[in-house]
Amino acid sequence: MTAVLVTWAFLVTGCSVPPSPPVTPPSQEVAEQTLRGIEVAVRDRRPDDFRARFAADDEALGRTADLWWANLTALDVTRFTLTAGPLDPAGAAEITIDWAVPGDSGIASHLARFSFRAGSDGAARVAAVAPAAAPAARPSWWADPLRLFRQGQATVVATGRVDQSRAGLWADQADRAADRVADALPASMRQGWTGVVVVELPADGAGYDRLLGGEPGSHSGYAAVAWAEGIADPRRERIAVRIVVNPDQPVHDPRALELLLTHEVTHLARYDAGSPAPLWLVEGFADHVAYAGSPELRAAAEQSLRDTIRSDGAPDRLPGDDTFRRGDLDRAYLLAWSACRLIARRYGDDVLNRFVVAAGAGQPVDRALRATAGIGLAEFRAEWVRDLTEPR
């Protein structure tokens, strides 16, 4: 695959070459008119109008514009807006890119930097583009050709050199996971979920890091994550949540892939990205939904839970949020699942569901548990520790 390089133009002077004339930056208003023109071209699917908003004398920029056009139209974006910050004296500005694809229940927002040049016709052209400085996340359509694989309610967005059969498998399993989660969760528990699942499948670990942002490798322990896309705070506004796959953690067992996707789709349906509930409840409940449809893997998880209690002892507290970001992730997930499993076993799935909804709505965990299960958090914690240490 030929890499698309986006380069900044520099003025080069020398004794044998006359200096280039200074580039005249446009006004803020004219630059914003150019951005409106790009938006309209994308909305109305007018490639010539789109390309005309970029400087014609920069071949690398032209290739980038062509790539963006191909990717954005392949994605069939349902929203694409560009909002400029103040232009600096050189005609550059920070740009907020808001975009969405079919099935998104929110907006993805990313930052970039555009430079503008005033033309002789009075209009402005985009003269250079650059992504936000690392470690900020980049949109999937920024630098690599995309291929889309659709199956029922699932769309897989593959970036770079991704094997077609692998992408097709993810699309098929994501579609099945959407059905399982829709069957498992009452409508009252689905937080604005459209029923559609968007999976982003990068070709390599570097692509995975670019999609998620942050320090390279900071999400390497996960096979996939339900990711709130972009810079917005998911607790303040509704943003797009997509499943991003880690190619460095391949899942070969179809049953494990089914379990993984059911877990992640539960996060999508619940809009857990904006949940104030503790992670032991968020992650434990997603595993509870996933294991319900996989008796063999549930039995294996129960054995793993017994093994970790035998080798490392019983915990004295429920897993804290930091435990899911560093440390023994397997143990943290097993303990979280065991707590949700206990609530369902002692008090019923309906009580667990109502507890999850109440805590997800911002009710303090102790109050939510008392209101739904009739037990306080400290009492439940002691009951949970006893249950973990009882012989089976």
Protein backbone atom coordinates (compact mmCIF):
# COMPACT_ATOMS: atom_id res chain seq x y z
CA MET A 1 0.00 0.00 0.00
CA THR A 2 1.30 3.44 -0.88
CA ALA A 3 1.39 5.68 2.15
CA VAL A 4 -0.25 9.06 1.68
CA LEU A 5 2.05 11.75 2.98
CA VAL A 6 0.65 15.14 3.96
CA THR A 7 3.45 17.72 3.84
CA TRP A 8 3.60 21.32 4.86
CA ALA A 9 4.85 23.78 2.22
CA PHE A 10 7.92 25.74 3.14
CA LEU A 11 9.32 28.77 1.34
CA VAL A 12 12.83 27.99 0.15
CA THR A 13 15.15 30.85 -0.73
CA GLY A 14 18.64 30.84 -2.18
CA CYS A 15 21.05 33.07 -3.99
CA SER A 16 20.14 31.66 -7.41
CA VAL A 17 16.35 31.48 -6.91
CA PRO A 18 14.24 34.58 -6.36
CA PRO A 19 12.13 34.47 -3.20
CA SER A 20 8.53 33.39 -3.57
CA PRO A 21 5.94 36.08 -2.98
CA PRO A 22 4.42 36.02 0.49
CA VAL A 23 1.27 33.96 0.89
CA THR A 24 -1.71 36.16 1.67
CA PRO A 25 -3.94 34.69 4.34
CA PRO A 26 -7.70 35.09 3.92
CA SER A 27 -10.03 36.68 6.41
CA GLN A 28 -11.77 34.54 9.03
CA GLU A 29 -15.05 34.90 7.17
CA VAL A 30 -13.62 33.78 3.84
CA ALA A 31 -11.85 30.79 5.42
CA GLU A 32 -15.11 29.73 7.07
CA GLN A 33 -16.88 30.01 3.70
CA THR A 34 -14.38 27.49 2.35
CA LEU A 35 -15.20 25.11 5.19
CA ARG A 36 -18.92 25.52 4.47
CA GLY A 37 -18.19 24.65 0.84
CA ILE A 38 -16.42 21.44 1.91
CA GLU A 39 -19.36 20.50 4.13
CA VAL A 40 -21.90 21.06 1.35
CA ALA A 41 -19.81 19.10 -1.14
CA VAL A 42 -19.70 16.13 1.24
CA ARG A 43 -23.41 16.40 2.01
CA ASP A 44 -24.44 16.64 -1.64
CA ARG A 45 -21.79 14.18 -2.88
CA ARG A 46 -20.13 16.66 -5.26
CA PRO A 47 -16.49 15.58 -5.69
CA ASP A 48 -15.39 18.43 -7.96
CA ASP A 49 -16.65 21.04 -5.50
CA PHE A 50 -14.87 19.23 -2.68
CA ARG A 51 -11.56 19.08 -4.52
CA ALA A 52 -11.85 22.75 -5.58
CA ARG A 53 -11.61 23.84 -1.94
CA PHE A 54 -8.02 22.52 -1.70
CA ALA A 55 -4.96 24.17 -3.26
CA ALA A 56 -4.44 22.71 -6.72
CA ASP A 57 -0.65 23.14 -6.84
CA ASP A 58 0.22 20.68 -4.04
CA GLU A 59 0.18 17.08 -5.29
CA ALA A 60 0.48 15.54 -1.82
CA LEU A 61 -2.40 17.63 -0.52
CA GLY A 62 -4.39 16.64 -3.60
CA ARG A 63 -3.84 12.96 -2.84
CA THR A 64 -4.96 13.55 0.71
CA ALA A 65 -8.12 15.33 -0.45
CA ASP A 66 -8.86 12.46 -2.84
CA LEU A 67 -8.34 9.93 -0.06
CA TRP A 68 -10.64 11.83 2.27
CA TRP A 69 -13.31 12.03 -0.41
CA ALA A 70 -13.13 8.30 -1.11
CA ASN A 71 -13.25 7.42 2.57
CA LEU A 72 -16.01 9.85 3.57
CA THR A 73 -18.26 8.77 0.72
CA ALA A 74 -17.58 5.09 1.45
CA LEU A 75 -18.58 5.73 5.06
CA ASP A 76 -21.74 7.47 3.81
CA VAL A 77 -21.32 10.06 6.56
CA THR A 78 -24.58 11.41 7.92
CA ARG A 79 -22.91 14.43 9.48
CA PHE A 80 -19.73 16.29 8.59
CA THR A 81 -19.07 19.76 9.96
CA LEU A 82 -15.88 21.81 10.23
CA THR A 83 -15.64 24.56 12.84
CA ALA A 84 -12.66 26.92 12.73
CA GLY A 85 -10.99 28.58 15.66
CA PRO A 86 -9.39 32.02 15.18
CA LEU A 87 -6.96 32.27 12.26
CA ASP A 88 -3.41 33.15 13.21
CA PRO A 89 -1.44 35.75 11.20
CA ALA A 90 -0.19 33.02 8.84
CA GLY A 91 -3.73 31.91 8.02
CA ALA A 92 -3.79 28.69 10.09
CA ALA A 93 -6.49 27.65 12.54
CA GLU A 94 -7.51 24.76 14.74
CA ILE A 95 -10.45 22.92 13.20
CA THR A 96 -13.03 20.86 15.09
CA ILE A 97 -14.31 18.05 12.88
CA ASP A 98 -17.71 16.61 13.89
CA TRP A 99 -18.87 13.56 11.97
CA ALA A 100 -21.14 10.55 12.18
CA VAL A 101 -21.92 7.43 10.17
CA PRO A 102 -25.21 5.53 9.78
CA GLY A 103 -26.23 3.95 13.06
CA ASP A 104 -24.18 6.23 15.31
CA SER A 105 -26.18 7.39 18.32
CA GLY A 106 -23.90 10.42 18.76
CA ILE A 107 -21.21 12.54 17.15
CA ALA A 108 -17.47 11.86 16.83
CA SER A 109 -15.31 14.96 17.29
CA HIS A 110 -11.64 15.37 16.37
CA LEU A 111 -9.19 18.24 16.19
CA ALA A 112 -6.97 19.14 13.25
CA ARG A 113 -5.09 22.16 11.94
CA PHE A 114 -5.72 23.69 8.52
CA SER A 115 -3.80 26.45 6.76
CA PHE A 116 -5.63 28.66 4.28
CA ARG A 117 -4.47 30.67 1.28
CA ALA A 118 -6.36 33.53 -0.34
CA GLY A 119 -6.90 33.10 -4.07
CA SER A 120 -7.05 35.70 -6.82
CA ASP A 121 -10.77 35.02 -7.14
CA GLY A 122 -11.37 36.18 -3.57
CA ALA A 123 -12.01 32.68 -2.26
CA ALA A 124 -9.79 30.76 0.15
CA ARG A 125 -8.24 27.35 -0.45
CA VAL A 126 -7.04 24.86 2.12
CA ALA A 127 -3.26 24.93 1.64
CA ALA A 128 -2.16 22.39 4.27
CA VAL A 129 -3.67 20.01 6.79
CA ALA A 130 -2.25 18.31 9.86
CA PRO A 131 -3.79 16.10 12.52
CA ALA A 132 -3.87 17.19 16.12
CA ALA A 133 -0.55 16.61 17.81
CA ALA A 134 0.02 13.17 19.32
CA PRO A 135 -1.26 11.65 21.48
CA ALA A 136 -4.64 12.96 20.25
CA ALA A 137 -6.79 10.44 18.39
CA ARG A 138 -7.28 10.65 14.62
CA PRO A 139 -10.42 9.79 12.67
CA SER A 140 -10.35 6.49 10.80
CA TRP A 141 -10.62 8.23 7.39
CA TRP A 142 -7.62 10.55 7.88
CA ALA A 143 -4.61 8.69 6.48
CA ASP A 144 -5.45 5.19 5.23
CA PRO A 145 -7.82 3.81 2.60
CA LEU A 146 -10.95 2.31 4.12
CA ARG A 147 -12.94 -0.76 3.18
CA LEU A 148 -16.39 -1.36 4.59
CA PHE A 149 -17.99 -4.71 5.33
CA ARG A 150 -21.68 -4.73 6.20
CA GLN A 151 -23.69 -7.56 7.64
CA GLY A 152 -27.19 -6.94 8.96
CA GLN A 153 -26.89 -4.43 11.79
CA ALA A 154 -23.08 -4.39 11.78
CA THR A 155 -20.59 -2.28 9.82
CA VAL A 156 -16.88 -3.06 9.97
CA VAL A 157 -14.58 -0.20 8.94
CA ALA A 158 -11.25 -1.76 7.98
CA THR A 159 -8.21 0.50 7.64
CA GLY A 160 -5.08 -0.47 5.75
CA ARG A 161 -4.28 -4.04 4.77
CA VAL A 162 -6.92 -6.06 6.62
CA ASP A 163 -7.73 -9.56 5.45
CA GLN A 164 -11.21 -9.68 3.90
CA SER A 165 -12.20 -12.95 5.57
CA ARG A 166 -11.16 -11.58 8.95
CA ALA A 167 -13.23 -8.43 8.44
CA GLY A 168 -16.18 -10.51 7.27
CA LEU A 169 -15.98 -12.66 10.40
CA TRP A 170 -16.06 -9.58 12.65
CA ALA A 171 -19.06 -8.21 10.74
CA ASP A 172 -20.97 -11.48 11.04
CA GLN A 173 -20.23 -11.88 14.75
CA ALA A 174 -21.01 -8.22 15.51
CA ASP A 175 -24.39 -8.62 13.82
CA ARG A 176 -25.11 -11.70 15.94
CA ALA A 177 -23.97 -9.87 19.08
CA ALA A 178 -26.38 -7.03 18.33
CA ASP A 179 -29.25 -9.54 18.26
CA ARG A 180 -28.12 -11.18 21.50
CA VAL A 181 -27.88 -7.88 23.35
CA ALA A 182 -31.23 -6.66 22.00
CA ASP A 183 -32.81 -9.86 23.30
CA ALA A 184 -31.05 -9.67 26.66
CA LEU A 185 -31.66 -6.02 27.55
CA PRO A 186 -35.14 -4.59 28.05
CA ALA A 187 -35.83 -1.50 25.97
CA SER A 188 -35.66 0.61 29.15
CA MET A 189 -31.97 -0.32 29.54
CA ARG A 190 -30.90 0.70 26.04
CA GLN A 191 -29.62 4.25 26.33
CA GLY A 192 -30.52 5.64 22.91
CA TRP A 193 -28.90 2.71 21.11
CA THR A 194 -30.00 2.42 17.48
CA GLY A 195 -29.33 -1.31 17.36
CA VAL A 196 -26.44 -0.76 14.94
CA VAL A 197 -22.84 -1.74 15.72
CA VAL A 198 -19.86 0.03 14.13
CA VAL A 199 -16.54 -1.83 14.43
CA GLU A 200 -13.23 -0.19 13.53
CA LEU A 201 -10.63 -2.74 12.47
CA PRO A 202 -7.10 -1.31 12.04
CA ALA A 203 -4.40 -3.25 10.24
CA ASP A 204 -1.77 -3.02 12.98
CA GLY A 205 -1.03 -1.84 16.49
CA ALA A 206 0.08 1.60 15.33
CA GLY A 207 -3.28 2.11 13.64
CA TYR A 208 -5.03 0.96 16.81
CA ASP A 209 -3.08 3.54 18.83
CA ARG A 210 -3.91 6.31 16.34
CA LEU A 211 -7.63 5.58 16.58
CA LEU A 212 -7.65 5.60 20.37
CA GLY A 213 -5.06 8.28 21.06
CA GLY A 214 -3.08 8.37 24.27
CA GLU A 215 0.40 6.99 24.74
CA PRO A 216 1.31 4.11 22.39
CA GLY A 217 0.50 0.79 24.00
CA SER A 218 -1.72 2.30 26.69
CA HIS A 219 -4.65 0.11 25.56
CA SER A 220 -2.62 -2.93 24.56
CA GLY A 221 -4.12 -5.23 27.20
CA TYR A 222 -7.55 -5.32 25.57
CA ALA A 223 -8.68 -7.40 22.58
CA ALA A 224 -11.26 -4.72 21.77
CA VAL A 225 -12.77 -1.67 23.43
CA ALA A 226 -16.10 0.12 23.18
CA TRP A 227 -14.63 3.54 22.51
CA ALA A 228 -16.19 6.99 22.84
CA GLU A 229 -14.83 8.51 19.65
CA GLY A 230 -12.97 11.80 19.77
CA ILE A 231 -12.44 14.68 22.16
CA ALA A 232 -15.89 15.37 23.61
CA ASP A 233 -16.80 14.42 27.17
CA PRO A 234 -19.33 11.56 26.92
CA ARG A 235 -20.85 12.59 30.25
CA ARG A 236 -21.72 16.03 28.93
CA GLU A 237 -22.89 15.31 25.40
CA ARG A 238 -23.91 12.32 23.34
CA ILE A 239 -20.98 11.09 21.28
CA ALA A 240 -20.42 8.17 18.93
CA VAL A 241 -19.29 4.93 20.56
CA ARG A 242 -17.68 2.32 18.33
CA ILE A 243 -15.90 -0.97 18.95
CA VAL A 244 -12.18 -0.67 18.15
CA VAL A 245 -10.33 -3.96 17.64
CA ASN A 246 -6.75 -4.51 18.79
CA PRO A 247 -4.98 -6.43 15.97
CA ASP A 248 -2.15 -7.34 18.34
CA GLN A 249 -4.58 -9.36 20.49
CA PRO A 250 -6.19 -11.68 17.91
CA VAL A 251 -9.17 -13.78 18.97
CA HIS A 252 -9.07 -17.16 17.23
CA ASP A 253 -11.82 -19.06 19.08
CA PRO A 254 -15.24 -18.17 17.59
CA ARG A 255 -16.85 -18.67 21.01
CA ALA A 256 -14.43 -16.21 22.59
CA LEU A 257 -15.11 -13.71 19.80
CA GLU A 258 -18.85 -14.10 20.41
CA LEU A 259 -18.31 -13.46 24.12
CA LEU A 260 -16.07 -10.44 23.48
CA LEU A 261 -18.47 -8.78 21.07
CA THR A 262 -21.53 -9.41 23.24
CA HIS A 263 -19.68 -7.75 26.12
CA GLU A 264 -18.68 -4.73 24.01
CA VAL A 265 -22.09 -4.35 22.37
CA THR A 266 -23.63 -4.31 25.86
CA HIS A 267 -21.47 -1.24 26.54
CA LEU A 268 -22.80 0.35 23.33
CA ALA A 269 -26.40 -0.39 24.18
CA ARG A 270 -26.02 0.93 27.73
CA TYR A 271 -23.93 3.95 26.61
CA ASP A 272 -21.48 3.05 29.36
CA ALA A 273 -19.03 5.66 28.06
CA GLY A 274 -21.14 8.25 29.86
CA SER A 275 -21.94 6.17 32.94
CA PRO A 276 -20.94 7.44 36.39
CA ALA A 277 -21.29 3.92 37.81
CA PRO A 278 -18.15 2.19 39.14
CA LEU A 279 -16.34 0.00 36.64
CA TRP A 280 -16.88 -3.17 38.65
CA LEU A 281 -20.59 -2.78 37.96
CA VAL A 282 -20.22 -1.59 34.34
CA GLU A 283 -17.79 -4.34 33.37
CA GLY A 284 -19.30 -7.02 35.57
CA PHE A 285 -22.75 -6.46 34.07
CA ALA A 286 -21.41 -6.60 30.49
CA ASP A 287 -19.76 -9.94 31.30
CA HIS A 288 -22.97 -11.15 32.98
CA VAL A 289 -24.88 -10.51 29.72
CA ALA A 290 -22.13 -12.11 27.63
CA TYR A 291 -21.71 -15.26 29.72
CA ALA A 292 -25.47 -15.85 29.83
CA GLY A 293 -25.38 -17.03 26.22
CA SER A 294 -22.21 -19.13 26.51
CA PRO A 295 -22.49 -21.93 29.10
CA GLU A 296 -19.12 -23.49 28.21
CA LEU A 297 -17.20 -20.24 28.58
CA ARG A 298 -19.17 -19.40 31.74
CA ALA A 299 -18.07 -22.72 33.26
CA ALA A 300 -14.47 -21.95 32.28
CA ALA A 301 -14.77 -18.50 33.89
CA GLU A 302 -16.12 -20.04 37.09
CA GLN A 303 -13.11 -22.34 37.20
CA SER A 304 -10.75 -19.42 36.60
CA LEU A 305 -12.45 -17.53 39.41
CA ARG A 306 -11.93 -20.45 41.80
CA ASP A 307 -8.31 -20.71 40.71
CA THR A 308 -7.57 -17.02 41.33
CA ILE A 309 -9.18 -17.15 44.79
CA ARG A 310 -7.18 -20.26 45.61
CA SER A 311 -3.88 -18.80 44.40
CA ASP A 312 -4.22 -15.12 45.39
CA GLY A 313 -6.82 -15.23 48.14
CA ALA A 314 -10.20 -13.58 48.42
CA PRO A 315 -10.39 -9.81 47.96
CA ASP A 316 -11.35 -7.51 50.82
CA ARG A 317 -13.05 -4.97 48.52
CA LEU A 318 -14.74 -4.73 45.16
CA PRO A 319 -12.34 -3.92 42.29
CA GLY A 320 -11.60 -0.19 42.06
CA ASP A 321 -11.67 1.66 38.76
CA ASP A 322 -7.87 1.79 38.58
CA THR A 323 -7.73 -2.00 38.69
CA PHE A 324 -9.27 -2.11 35.21
CA ARG A 325 -6.61 0.20 33.80
CA ARG A 326 -3.54 -1.49 35.21
CA GLY A 327 -2.64 -4.61 37.12
CA ASP A 328 -4.27 -8.02 36.80
CA LEU A 329 -7.09 -7.36 34.34
CA ASP A 330 -8.24 -10.98 34.22
CA ARG A 331 -8.76 -11.08 37.98
CA ALA A 332 -10.48 -7.69 38.01
CA TYR A 333 -12.99 -8.77 35.36
CA LEU A 334 -13.64 -12.11 37.05
CA LEU A 335 -14.30 -10.45 40.41
CA ALA A 336 -16.57 -7.83 38.85
CA TRP A 337 -18.56 -10.52 37.06
CA SER A 338 -18.83 -12.58 40.22
CA ALA A 339 -20.38 -9.61 42.09
CA CYS A 340 -23.04 -9.10 39.40
CA ARG A 341 -23.63 -12.83 39.18
CA LEU A 342 -24.26 -12.93 42.94
CA ILE A 343 -26.83 -10.13 42.77
CA ALA A 344 -28.65 -11.92 39.95
CA ARG A 345 -28.52 -15.27 41.77
CA ARG A 346 -29.68 -13.96 45.17
CA TYR A 347 -32.10 -11.25 44.12
CA GLY A 348 -32.92 -11.92 40.45
CA ASP A 349 -31.95 -10.50 37.08
CA ASP A 350 -34.66 -7.85 37.30
CA VAL A 351 -33.10 -6.49 40.49
CA LEU A 352 -29.65 -6.48 38.89
CA ASN A 353 -31.04 -4.65 35.86
CA ARG A 354 -32.74 -2.00 37.98
CA PHE A 355 -29.59 -1.57 40.08
CA VAL A 356 -27.49 -1.06 36.92
CA VAL A 357 -29.97 1.51 35.58
CA ALA A 358 -30.11 3.42 38.88
CA ALA A 359 -26.33 3.55 39.32
CA GLY A 360 -25.89 4.43 35.64
CA ALA A 361 -28.29 7.34 36.09
CA GLY A 362 -26.02 8.79 38.76
CA GLN A 363 -27.59 7.47 41.94
CA PRO A 364 -24.96 6.69 44.61
CA VAL A 365 -24.17 2.98 44.53
CA ASP A 366 -25.14 2.30 48.15
CA ARG A 367 -28.48 4.05 47.72
CA ALA A 368 -29.17 2.33 44.39
CA LEU A 369 -28.41 -1.09 45.87
CA ARG A 370 -30.62 -0.48 48.91
CA ALA A 371 -33.48 0.72 46.71
CA THR A 372 -33.35 -2.30 44.42
CA ALA A 373 -31.97 -5.22 46.44
CA GLY A 374 -32.75 -4.01 49.98
CA ILE A 375 -29.11 -4.38 51.05
CA GLY A 376 -26.39 -1.79 51.65
CA LEU A 377 -23.07 -1.83 49.82
CA ALA A 378 -20.99 -2.77 52.89
CA GLU A 379 -23.30 -5.66 53.73
CA PHE A 380 -23.29 -6.84 50.13
CA ARG A 381 -19.49 -6.66 49.97
CA ALA A 382 -19.22 -8.95 53.02
CA GLU A 383 -21.76 -11.32 51.50
CA TRP A 384 -19.81 -11.36 48.25
CA VAL A 385 -16.51 -12.19 49.96
CA ARG A 386 -18.19 -15.05 51.86
CA ASP A 387 -19.64 -16.37 48.62
CA LEU A 388 -16.23 -16.35 46.95
CA THR A 389 -14.68 -18.41 49.73
CA GLU A 390 -17.47 -20.97 50.10
CA PRO A 391 -16.46 -24.42 48.85
CA ARG A 392 -18.17 -25.44 45.60
